[in-house]
Amino acid sequence: MRTRKLDGLLRPFPKFTMSAIEERQKLYQKLCEIVWDPAAAFGTPAIPTQRVDRSRTRTRARYDVAITDLVAKGMLPQGVQLVGSRRGVRFGAEVLDDGRIRVDSGETFGSLSAAGEFVLQSQSCAGWNFWRARLGDHEVKLVDVRREALEQGLV
């Protein structure tokens, strides 16, 4: 108790007067400071939590396929145009030579999901499901192209 400086605050009061209530409030405040501050409670500094960006590793960890792999194996043409739609609004993008995705407004992204999140103005987007490749007069979901490449053992 002395290391926490509670010895003077933790004592009985014969009558609970206004001054006794104010003294008890000091004890409550000190206890809250100890409980809510790990450094005060345990004598070690709090470890800051780091937010891990899993958007780039989630798909690769599961499938180990990048869009550049599909281009390199001939499953998609180089510079393929991408389209996506949500609630009747269509969005466009292009796959650059280095695998980044450039949306119609000019911004570039390192993943399909990040590009989808940007155009949709949302916090999450399953990029492989959202984007479709424009191949001639038809559109093919990228998730289907990826699945076909995996089934054929190309990637």
N, C-alpha and C. Protein backbone atom coordinates (compact mmCIF):
# COMPACT_ATOMS: atom_id res chain seq x y z
N MET A 1 0.82 -1.19 0.00
CA MET A 1 0.00 0.00 0.00
C MET A 1 0.86 1.25 0.00
N ARG A 2 2.00 1.18 0.68
CA ARG A 2 2.84 2.37 0.74
C ARG A 2 3.47 2.69 -0.60
N THR A 3 3.80 1.64 -1.39
CA THR A 3 4.37 1.91 -2.71
C THR A 3 3.35 2.56 -3.62
N ARG A 4 2.09 2.31 -3.38
CA ARG A 4 1.02 2.91 -4.18
C ARG A 4 0.48 4.20 -3.55
N LYS A 5 1.02 4.57 -2.41
CA LYS A 5 0.62 5.77 -1.69
C LYS A 5 -0.86 5.75 -1.31
N LEU A 6 -1.30 4.60 -0.83
CA LEU A 6 -2.69 4.44 -0.40
C LEU A 6 -2.84 4.45 1.11
N ASP A 7 -1.71 4.35 1.84
CA ASP A 7 -1.79 4.21 3.29
C ASP A 7 -2.50 5.37 3.97
N GLY A 8 -2.32 6.58 3.50
CA GLY A 8 -3.00 7.73 4.12
C GLY A 8 -4.45 7.85 3.69
N LEU A 9 -4.79 7.24 2.56
CA LEU A 9 -6.15 7.36 2.04
C LEU A 9 -7.08 6.24 2.51
N LEU A 10 -6.50 5.12 2.82
CA LEU A 10 -7.31 3.96 3.21
C LEU A 10 -7.42 3.92 4.73
N ARG A 11 -8.45 4.54 5.25
CA ARG A 11 -8.66 4.59 6.70
C ARG A 11 -10.14 4.71 6.99
N PRO A 12 -10.55 4.34 8.18
CA PRO A 12 -11.98 4.44 8.53
C PRO A 12 -12.34 5.87 8.93
N PHE A 13 -13.62 6.19 8.78
CA PHE A 13 -14.15 7.48 9.19
C PHE A 13 -15.27 7.23 10.21
N PRO A 14 -15.16 7.84 11.43
CA PRO A 14 -16.20 7.61 12.43
C PRO A 14 -17.55 8.17 11.99
N LYS A 15 -17.52 9.31 11.28
CA LYS A 15 -18.74 9.91 10.74
C LYS A 15 -18.48 10.21 9.28
N PHE A 16 -19.50 9.96 8.47
CA PHE A 16 -19.34 10.21 7.04
C PHE A 16 -19.83 11.61 6.71
N THR A 17 -18.95 12.58 6.97
CA THR A 17 -19.26 13.98 6.72
C THR A 17 -18.83 14.34 5.30
N MET A 18 -19.07 15.56 4.92
CA MET A 18 -18.69 16.03 3.59
C MET A 18 -17.17 15.92 3.39
N SER A 19 -16.39 16.25 4.40
CA SER A 19 -14.93 16.13 4.27
C SER A 19 -14.51 14.67 4.17
N ALA A 20 -15.22 13.77 4.84
CA ALA A 20 -14.91 12.34 4.74
C ALA A 20 -15.20 11.84 3.32
N ILE A 21 -16.29 12.33 2.73
CA ILE A 21 -16.63 11.93 1.36
C ILE A 21 -15.55 12.42 0.39
N GLU A 22 -15.08 13.64 0.60
CA GLU A 22 -14.02 14.18 -0.27
C GLU A 22 -12.73 13.37 -0.12
N GLU A 23 -12.40 12.95 1.09
CA GLU A 23 -11.21 12.12 1.31
C GLU A 23 -11.38 10.76 0.64
N ARG A 24 -12.59 10.17 0.74
CA ARG A 24 -12.84 8.87 0.12
C ARG A 24 -12.74 8.99 -1.41
N GLN A 25 -13.15 10.12 -1.96
CA GLN A 25 -13.05 10.34 -3.41
C GLN A 25 -11.59 10.32 -3.87
N LYS A 26 -10.71 10.83 -3.04
CA LYS A 26 -9.27 10.78 -3.38
C LYS A 26 -8.79 9.34 -3.47
N LEU A 27 -9.27 8.49 -2.55
CA LEU A 27 -8.93 7.07 -2.59
C LEU A 27 -9.44 6.43 -3.87
N TYR A 28 -10.69 6.70 -4.23
CA TYR A 28 -11.28 6.13 -5.44
C TYR A 28 -10.50 6.57 -6.69
N GLN A 29 -10.12 7.83 -6.70
CA GLN A 29 -9.37 8.34 -7.85
C GLN A 29 -8.03 7.64 -7.96
N LYS A 30 -7.34 7.48 -6.84
CA LYS A 30 -6.03 6.80 -6.84
C LYS A 30 -6.17 5.35 -7.28
N LEU A 31 -7.20 4.66 -6.82
CA LEU A 31 -7.43 3.27 -7.22
C LEU A 31 -7.70 3.17 -8.72
N CYS A 32 -8.48 4.10 -9.25
CA CYS A 32 -8.75 4.11 -10.69
C CYS A 32 -7.48 4.35 -11.49
N GLU A 33 -6.64 5.24 -11.03
CA GLU A 33 -5.38 5.50 -11.72
C GLU A 33 -4.51 4.24 -11.76
N ILE A 34 -4.51 3.50 -10.67
CA ILE A 34 -3.71 2.27 -10.61
C ILE A 34 -4.30 1.21 -11.54
N VAL A 35 -5.60 1.03 -11.50
CA VAL A 35 -6.25 0.00 -12.30
C VAL A 35 -6.13 0.29 -13.80
N TRP A 36 -6.31 1.54 -14.18
CA TRP A 36 -6.33 1.88 -15.60
C TRP A 36 -4.97 2.19 -16.19
N ASP A 37 -3.94 2.21 -15.40
CA ASP A 37 -2.59 2.48 -15.91
C ASP A 37 -1.71 1.26 -15.65
N PRO A 38 -1.43 0.46 -16.68
CA PRO A 38 -0.61 -0.74 -16.48
C PRO A 38 0.76 -0.43 -15.91
N ALA A 39 1.35 0.70 -16.26
CA ALA A 39 2.67 1.05 -15.73
C ALA A 39 2.60 1.27 -14.22
N ALA A 40 1.52 1.88 -13.74
CA ALA A 40 1.38 2.11 -12.31
C ALA A 40 1.04 0.81 -11.58
N ALA A 41 0.26 -0.04 -12.20
CA ALA A 41 -0.16 -1.27 -11.55
C ALA A 41 0.93 -2.33 -11.54
N PHE A 42 1.68 -2.43 -12.62
CA PHE A 42 2.64 -3.53 -12.75
C PHE A 42 4.09 -3.07 -12.78
N GLY A 43 4.30 -1.78 -12.79
CA GLY A 43 5.67 -1.27 -12.78
C GLY A 43 6.39 -1.39 -14.12
N THR A 44 5.64 -1.70 -15.18
CA THR A 44 6.24 -1.80 -16.51
C THR A 44 5.49 -0.87 -17.44
N PRO A 45 6.17 -0.33 -18.41
CA PRO A 45 5.48 0.56 -19.34
C PRO A 45 4.48 -0.22 -20.20
N ALA A 46 3.40 0.42 -20.54
CA ALA A 46 2.40 -0.21 -21.39
C ALA A 46 2.98 -0.43 -22.78
N ILE A 47 2.68 -1.56 -23.37
CA ILE A 47 3.15 -1.87 -24.71
C ILE A 47 2.11 -1.36 -25.69
N PRO A 48 2.51 -0.45 -26.58
CA PRO A 48 1.52 0.06 -27.52
C PRO A 48 1.12 -1.04 -28.50
N THR A 49 -0.17 -1.10 -28.79
CA THR A 49 -0.64 -2.10 -29.74
C THR A 49 -0.41 -1.58 -31.15
N GLN A 50 0.01 -2.47 -32.02
CA GLN A 50 0.24 -2.09 -33.40
C GLN A 50 -0.84 -2.73 -34.26
N ARG A 51 -1.42 -1.94 -35.13
CA ARG A 51 -2.42 -2.45 -36.04
C ARG A 51 -1.71 -3.07 -37.23
N VAL A 52 -2.02 -4.30 -37.51
CA VAL A 52 -1.38 -5.01 -38.60
C VAL A 52 -2.27 -4.93 -39.83
N ASP A 53 -1.70 -4.50 -40.95
CA ASP A 53 -2.43 -4.45 -42.20
C ASP A 53 -2.38 -5.82 -42.85
N ARG A 54 -3.50 -6.54 -42.77
CA ARG A 54 -3.55 -7.89 -43.31
C ARG A 54 -4.12 -7.92 -44.72
N SER A 55 -4.47 -6.77 -45.28
CA SER A 55 -5.11 -6.78 -46.58
C SER A 55 -4.19 -7.31 -47.67
N ARG A 56 -2.87 -7.13 -47.51
CA ARG A 56 -1.97 -7.60 -48.55
C ARG A 56 -1.60 -9.07 -48.37
N THR A 57 -1.69 -9.59 -47.17
CA THR A 57 -1.24 -10.96 -46.94
C THR A 57 -2.39 -11.96 -46.90
N ARG A 58 -3.61 -11.49 -46.67
CA ARG A 58 -4.73 -12.42 -46.50
C ARG A 58 -4.91 -13.30 -47.73
N THR A 59 -5.01 -12.71 -48.91
CA THR A 59 -5.25 -13.48 -50.13
C THR A 59 -4.02 -14.31 -50.49
N ARG A 60 -2.86 -13.71 -50.43
CA ARG A 60 -1.66 -14.44 -50.82
C ARG A 60 -1.38 -15.60 -49.87
N ALA A 61 -1.68 -15.42 -48.61
CA ALA A 61 -1.44 -16.50 -47.65
C ALA A 61 -2.34 -17.69 -47.96
N ARG A 62 -3.53 -17.42 -48.43
CA ARG A 62 -4.47 -18.50 -48.70
C ARG A 62 -4.27 -19.10 -50.08
N TYR A 63 -4.06 -18.27 -51.09
CA TYR A 63 -3.98 -18.75 -52.46
C TYR A 63 -2.60 -18.62 -53.09
N ASP A 64 -1.79 -17.71 -52.56
CA ASP A 64 -0.47 -17.44 -53.10
C ASP A 64 -0.54 -17.09 -54.59
N VAL A 65 -1.52 -16.26 -54.94
CA VAL A 65 -1.70 -15.84 -56.32
C VAL A 65 -1.79 -14.32 -56.35
N ALA A 66 -1.02 -13.72 -57.23
CA ALA A 66 -1.10 -12.28 -57.47
C ALA A 66 -1.64 -12.09 -58.87
N ILE A 67 -2.22 -10.94 -59.12
CA ILE A 67 -2.78 -10.69 -60.45
C ILE A 67 -1.70 -10.72 -61.52
N THR A 68 -0.46 -10.34 -61.16
CA THR A 68 0.63 -10.41 -62.13
C THR A 68 0.93 -11.85 -62.53
N ASP A 69 0.68 -12.81 -61.63
CA ASP A 69 0.86 -14.23 -61.97
C ASP A 69 -0.11 -14.63 -63.08
N LEU A 70 -1.34 -14.14 -63.00
CA LEU A 70 -2.35 -14.47 -64.01
C LEU A 70 -1.99 -13.87 -65.37
N VAL A 71 -1.40 -12.67 -65.35
CA VAL A 71 -0.96 -12.03 -66.59
C VAL A 71 0.24 -12.80 -67.15
N ALA A 72 1.19 -13.15 -66.29
CA ALA A 72 2.40 -13.85 -66.73
C ALA A 72 2.08 -15.22 -67.32
N LYS A 73 1.04 -15.88 -66.83
CA LYS A 73 0.67 -17.22 -67.32
C LYS A 73 -0.31 -17.16 -68.49
N GLY A 74 -0.63 -15.94 -68.94
CA GLY A 74 -1.51 -15.80 -70.10
C GLY A 74 -2.99 -15.92 -69.79
N MET A 75 -3.34 -15.95 -68.52
CA MET A 75 -4.76 -16.04 -68.15
C MET A 75 -5.47 -14.70 -68.34
N LEU A 76 -4.71 -13.61 -68.27
CA LEU A 76 -5.23 -12.27 -68.49
C LEU A 76 -4.26 -11.52 -69.39
N PRO A 77 -4.77 -10.66 -70.28
CA PRO A 77 -3.86 -9.87 -71.12
C PRO A 77 -3.17 -8.77 -70.30
N GLN A 78 -2.01 -8.37 -70.76
CA GLN A 78 -1.28 -7.30 -70.08
C GLN A 78 -2.09 -6.01 -70.17
N GLY A 79 -2.15 -5.25 -69.08
CA GLY A 79 -2.90 -4.01 -69.05
C GLY A 79 -4.41 -4.21 -69.07
N VAL A 80 -4.86 -5.37 -68.59
CA VAL A 80 -6.29 -5.70 -68.64
C VAL A 80 -7.11 -4.64 -67.91
N GLN A 81 -8.26 -4.33 -68.48
CA GLN A 81 -9.19 -3.38 -67.89
C GLN A 81 -10.09 -4.13 -66.91
N LEU A 82 -10.32 -3.52 -65.76
CA LEU A 82 -11.17 -4.10 -64.73
C LEU A 82 -12.43 -3.27 -64.58
N VAL A 83 -13.52 -3.92 -64.25
CA VAL A 83 -14.77 -3.22 -63.96
C VAL A 83 -15.37 -3.83 -62.70
N GLY A 84 -16.05 -3.00 -61.98
CA GLY A 84 -16.76 -3.44 -60.79
C GLY A 84 -18.03 -2.63 -60.68
N SER A 85 -19.03 -3.16 -60.03
CA SER A 85 -20.26 -2.39 -59.87
C SER A 85 -20.88 -2.69 -58.51
N ARG A 86 -21.55 -1.69 -58.01
CA ARG A 86 -22.27 -1.82 -56.75
C ARG A 86 -23.47 -0.89 -56.81
N ARG A 87 -24.64 -1.44 -56.59
CA ARG A 87 -25.90 -0.67 -56.58
C ARG A 87 -26.07 0.17 -57.85
N GLY A 88 -25.77 -0.44 -58.97
CA GLY A 88 -25.98 0.23 -60.25
C GLY A 88 -24.89 1.20 -60.68
N VAL A 89 -23.89 1.40 -59.84
CA VAL A 89 -22.79 2.30 -60.18
C VAL A 89 -21.61 1.45 -60.65
N ARG A 90 -21.04 1.79 -61.80
CA ARG A 90 -19.92 1.03 -62.36
C ARG A 90 -18.61 1.78 -62.11
N PHE A 91 -17.57 1.02 -61.83
CA PHE A 91 -16.25 1.55 -61.56
C PHE A 91 -15.26 0.87 -62.50
N GLY A 92 -14.24 1.61 -62.90
CA GLY A 92 -13.24 1.06 -63.79
C GLY A 92 -11.84 1.16 -63.21
N ALA A 93 -10.97 0.26 -63.69
CA ALA A 93 -9.58 0.26 -63.26
C ALA A 93 -8.75 -0.45 -64.32
N GLU A 94 -7.44 -0.37 -64.15
CA GLU A 94 -6.51 -1.01 -65.07
C GLU A 94 -5.39 -1.65 -64.27
N VAL A 95 -4.93 -2.82 -64.72
CA VAL A 95 -3.80 -3.48 -64.09
C VAL A 95 -2.53 -2.96 -64.75
N LEU A 96 -1.65 -2.35 -63.97
CA LEU A 96 -0.39 -1.82 -64.49
C LEU A 96 0.64 -2.94 -64.61
N ASP A 97 1.73 -2.67 -65.32
CA ASP A 97 2.77 -3.67 -65.56
C ASP A 97 3.36 -4.23 -64.27
N ASP A 98 3.44 -3.41 -63.23
CA ASP A 98 4.04 -3.86 -61.97
C ASP A 98 3.03 -4.52 -61.04
N GLY A 99 1.79 -4.71 -61.49
CA GLY A 99 0.78 -5.38 -60.68
C GLY A 99 -0.10 -4.46 -59.86
N ARG A 100 0.23 -3.18 -59.84
CA ARG A 100 -0.62 -2.25 -59.11
C ARG A 100 -1.90 -2.01 -59.91
N ILE A 101 -2.91 -1.53 -59.22
CA ILE A 101 -4.21 -1.27 -59.82
C ILE A 101 -4.42 0.24 -59.86
N ARG A 102 -4.69 0.77 -61.06
CA ARG A 102 -4.97 2.21 -61.18
C ARG A 102 -6.46 2.36 -61.49
N VAL A 103 -7.17 3.05 -60.60
CA VAL A 103 -8.60 3.28 -60.79
C VAL A 103 -8.79 4.45 -61.74
N ASP A 104 -10.01 4.61 -62.24
CA ASP A 104 -10.29 5.64 -63.25
C ASP A 104 -9.93 7.05 -62.80
N SER A 105 -9.99 7.33 -61.51
CA SER A 105 -9.66 8.67 -61.02
C SER A 105 -8.15 8.91 -60.94
N GLY A 106 -7.33 7.87 -61.20
CA GLY A 106 -5.88 8.04 -61.27
C GLY A 106 -5.09 7.50 -60.10
N GLU A 107 -5.73 7.20 -58.98
CA GLU A 107 -5.02 6.66 -57.83
C GLU A 107 -4.60 5.22 -58.11
N THR A 108 -3.45 4.85 -57.54
CA THR A 108 -2.96 3.48 -57.72
C THR A 108 -2.92 2.76 -56.37
N PHE A 109 -3.12 1.44 -56.42
CA PHE A 109 -3.18 0.63 -55.21
C PHE A 109 -2.42 -0.66 -55.41
N GLY A 110 -1.94 -1.22 -54.31
CA GLY A 110 -1.15 -2.43 -54.36
C GLY A 110 -1.97 -3.71 -54.36
N SER A 111 -3.26 -3.60 -54.16
CA SER A 111 -4.10 -4.80 -54.14
C SER A 111 -5.46 -4.50 -54.72
N LEU A 112 -6.12 -5.56 -55.17
CA LEU A 112 -7.49 -5.44 -55.69
C LEU A 112 -8.43 -4.96 -54.60
N SER A 113 -8.24 -5.46 -53.39
CA SER A 113 -9.12 -5.08 -52.28
C SER A 113 -8.98 -3.60 -51.94
N ALA A 114 -7.75 -3.11 -51.90
CA ALA A 114 -7.54 -1.69 -51.58
C ALA A 114 -8.17 -0.80 -52.65
N ALA A 115 -8.05 -1.18 -53.91
CA ALA A 115 -8.67 -0.41 -54.99
C ALA A 115 -10.19 -0.44 -54.85
N GLY A 116 -10.73 -1.60 -54.53
CA GLY A 116 -12.17 -1.71 -54.34
C GLY A 116 -12.66 -0.90 -53.16
N GLU A 117 -11.91 -0.93 -52.06
CA GLU A 117 -12.28 -0.14 -50.88
C GLU A 117 -12.31 1.34 -51.22
N PHE A 118 -11.36 1.79 -52.05
CA PHE A 118 -11.29 3.21 -52.41
C PHE A 118 -12.50 3.62 -53.24
N VAL A 119 -12.79 2.88 -54.30
CA VAL A 119 -13.89 3.29 -55.18
C VAL A 119 -15.24 3.15 -54.48
N LEU A 120 -15.37 2.17 -53.61
CA LEU A 120 -16.63 1.99 -52.88
C LEU A 120 -16.75 2.87 -51.65
N GLN A 121 -15.61 3.48 -51.26
CA GLN A 121 -15.57 4.28 -50.03
C GLN A 121 -16.05 3.44 -48.85
N SER A 122 -15.49 2.22 -48.74
CA SER A 122 -15.84 1.33 -47.65
C SER A 122 -14.57 0.85 -46.95
N GLN A 123 -14.74 0.21 -45.81
CA GLN A 123 -13.58 -0.25 -45.06
C GLN A 123 -13.16 -1.66 -45.44
N SER A 124 -13.97 -2.33 -46.25
CA SER A 124 -13.56 -3.65 -46.69
C SER A 124 -14.16 -3.94 -48.06
N CYS A 125 -13.43 -4.72 -48.83
CA CYS A 125 -13.88 -5.12 -50.15
C CYS A 125 -13.13 -6.39 -50.52
N ALA A 126 -13.84 -7.42 -50.88
CA ALA A 126 -13.21 -8.64 -51.37
C ALA A 126 -12.87 -8.40 -52.84
N GLY A 127 -11.66 -7.92 -53.09
CA GLY A 127 -11.26 -7.47 -54.42
C GLY A 127 -11.39 -8.51 -55.50
N TRP A 128 -11.02 -9.75 -55.21
CA TRP A 128 -11.10 -10.81 -56.22
C TRP A 128 -12.55 -11.06 -56.62
N ASN A 129 -13.49 -10.85 -55.73
CA ASN A 129 -14.91 -11.04 -56.05
C ASN A 129 -15.52 -9.78 -56.66
N PHE A 130 -15.05 -8.62 -56.28
CA PHE A 130 -15.63 -7.37 -56.75
C PHE A 130 -15.25 -7.07 -58.20
N TRP A 131 -13.98 -7.20 -58.53
CA TRP A 131 -13.51 -6.81 -59.85
C TRP A 131 -13.72 -7.93 -60.87
N ARG A 132 -14.04 -7.51 -62.10
CA ARG A 132 -14.14 -8.42 -63.24
C ARG A 132 -13.21 -7.91 -64.33
N ALA A 133 -12.63 -8.84 -65.08
CA ALA A 133 -11.74 -8.48 -66.20
C ALA A 133 -12.58 -8.32 -67.45
N ARG A 134 -12.35 -7.23 -68.15
CA ARG A 134 -13.05 -7.01 -69.42
C ARG A 134 -12.24 -7.68 -70.52
N LEU A 135 -12.78 -8.75 -71.06
CA LEU A 135 -12.10 -9.52 -72.10
C LEU A 135 -12.97 -9.48 -73.35
N GLY A 136 -12.62 -8.59 -74.26
CA GLY A 136 -13.42 -8.43 -75.48
C GLY A 136 -14.79 -7.88 -75.15
N ASP A 137 -15.81 -8.64 -75.50
CA ASP A 137 -17.17 -8.17 -75.27
C ASP A 137 -17.82 -8.78 -74.03
N HIS A 138 -17.05 -9.48 -73.22
CA HIS A 138 -17.62 -10.04 -71.99
C HIS A 138 -16.71 -9.76 -70.80
N GLU A 139 -17.27 -9.97 -69.62
CA GLU A 139 -16.55 -9.73 -68.37
C GLU A 139 -16.47 -11.03 -67.58
N VAL A 140 -15.30 -11.26 -66.97
CA VAL A 140 -15.08 -12.48 -66.20
C VAL A 140 -14.63 -12.09 -64.80
N LYS A 141 -15.26 -12.70 -63.78
CA LYS A 141 -14.85 -12.42 -62.40
C LYS A 141 -13.41 -12.88 -62.19
N LEU A 142 -12.62 -12.05 -61.53
CA LEU A 142 -11.22 -12.41 -61.28
C LEU A 142 -11.11 -13.64 -60.39
N VAL A 143 -12.06 -13.83 -59.49
CA VAL A 143 -12.03 -15.01 -58.62
C VAL A 143 -12.16 -16.28 -59.47
N ASP A 144 -12.93 -16.21 -60.57
CA ASP A 144 -13.07 -17.37 -61.45
C ASP A 144 -11.80 -17.62 -62.25
N VAL A 145 -11.14 -16.55 -62.68
CA VAL A 145 -9.87 -16.69 -63.40
C VAL A 145 -8.83 -17.29 -62.48
N ARG A 146 -8.79 -16.84 -61.25
CA ARG A 146 -7.83 -17.37 -60.28
C ARG A 146 -8.10 -18.85 -60.00
N ARG A 147 -9.38 -19.20 -59.80
CA ARG A 147 -9.73 -20.58 -59.55
C ARG A 147 -9.32 -21.48 -60.71
N GLU A 148 -9.56 -21.03 -61.93
CA GLU A 148 -9.19 -21.81 -63.11
C GLU A 148 -7.67 -22.01 -63.19
N ALA A 149 -6.92 -20.95 -62.89
CA ALA A 149 -5.46 -21.05 -62.91
C ALA A 149 -4.97 -22.03 -61.85
N LEU A 150 -5.59 -22.01 -60.68
CA LEU A 150 -5.20 -22.95 -59.63
C LEU A 150 -5.56 -24.38 -60.02
N GLU A 151 -6.74 -24.57 -60.60
CA GLU A 151 -7.15 -25.92 -61.01
C GLU A 151 -6.24 -26.49 -62.09
N GLN A 152 -5.76 -25.62 -62.98
CA GLN A 152 -4.88 -26.06 -64.06
C GLN A 152 -3.44 -26.19 -63.60
N GLY A 153 -3.16 -25.77 -62.38
CA GLY A 153 -1.81 -25.86 -61.84
C GLY A 153 -0.85 -24.85 -62.44
N LEU A 154 -1.40 -23.76 -62.97
CA LEU A 154 -0.55 -22.73 -63.59
C LEU A 154 0.11 -21.82 -62.55
N VAL A 155 -0.54 -21.66 -61.42
CA VAL A 155 0.01 -20.81 -60.36
C VAL A 155 0.03 -21.56 -59.05
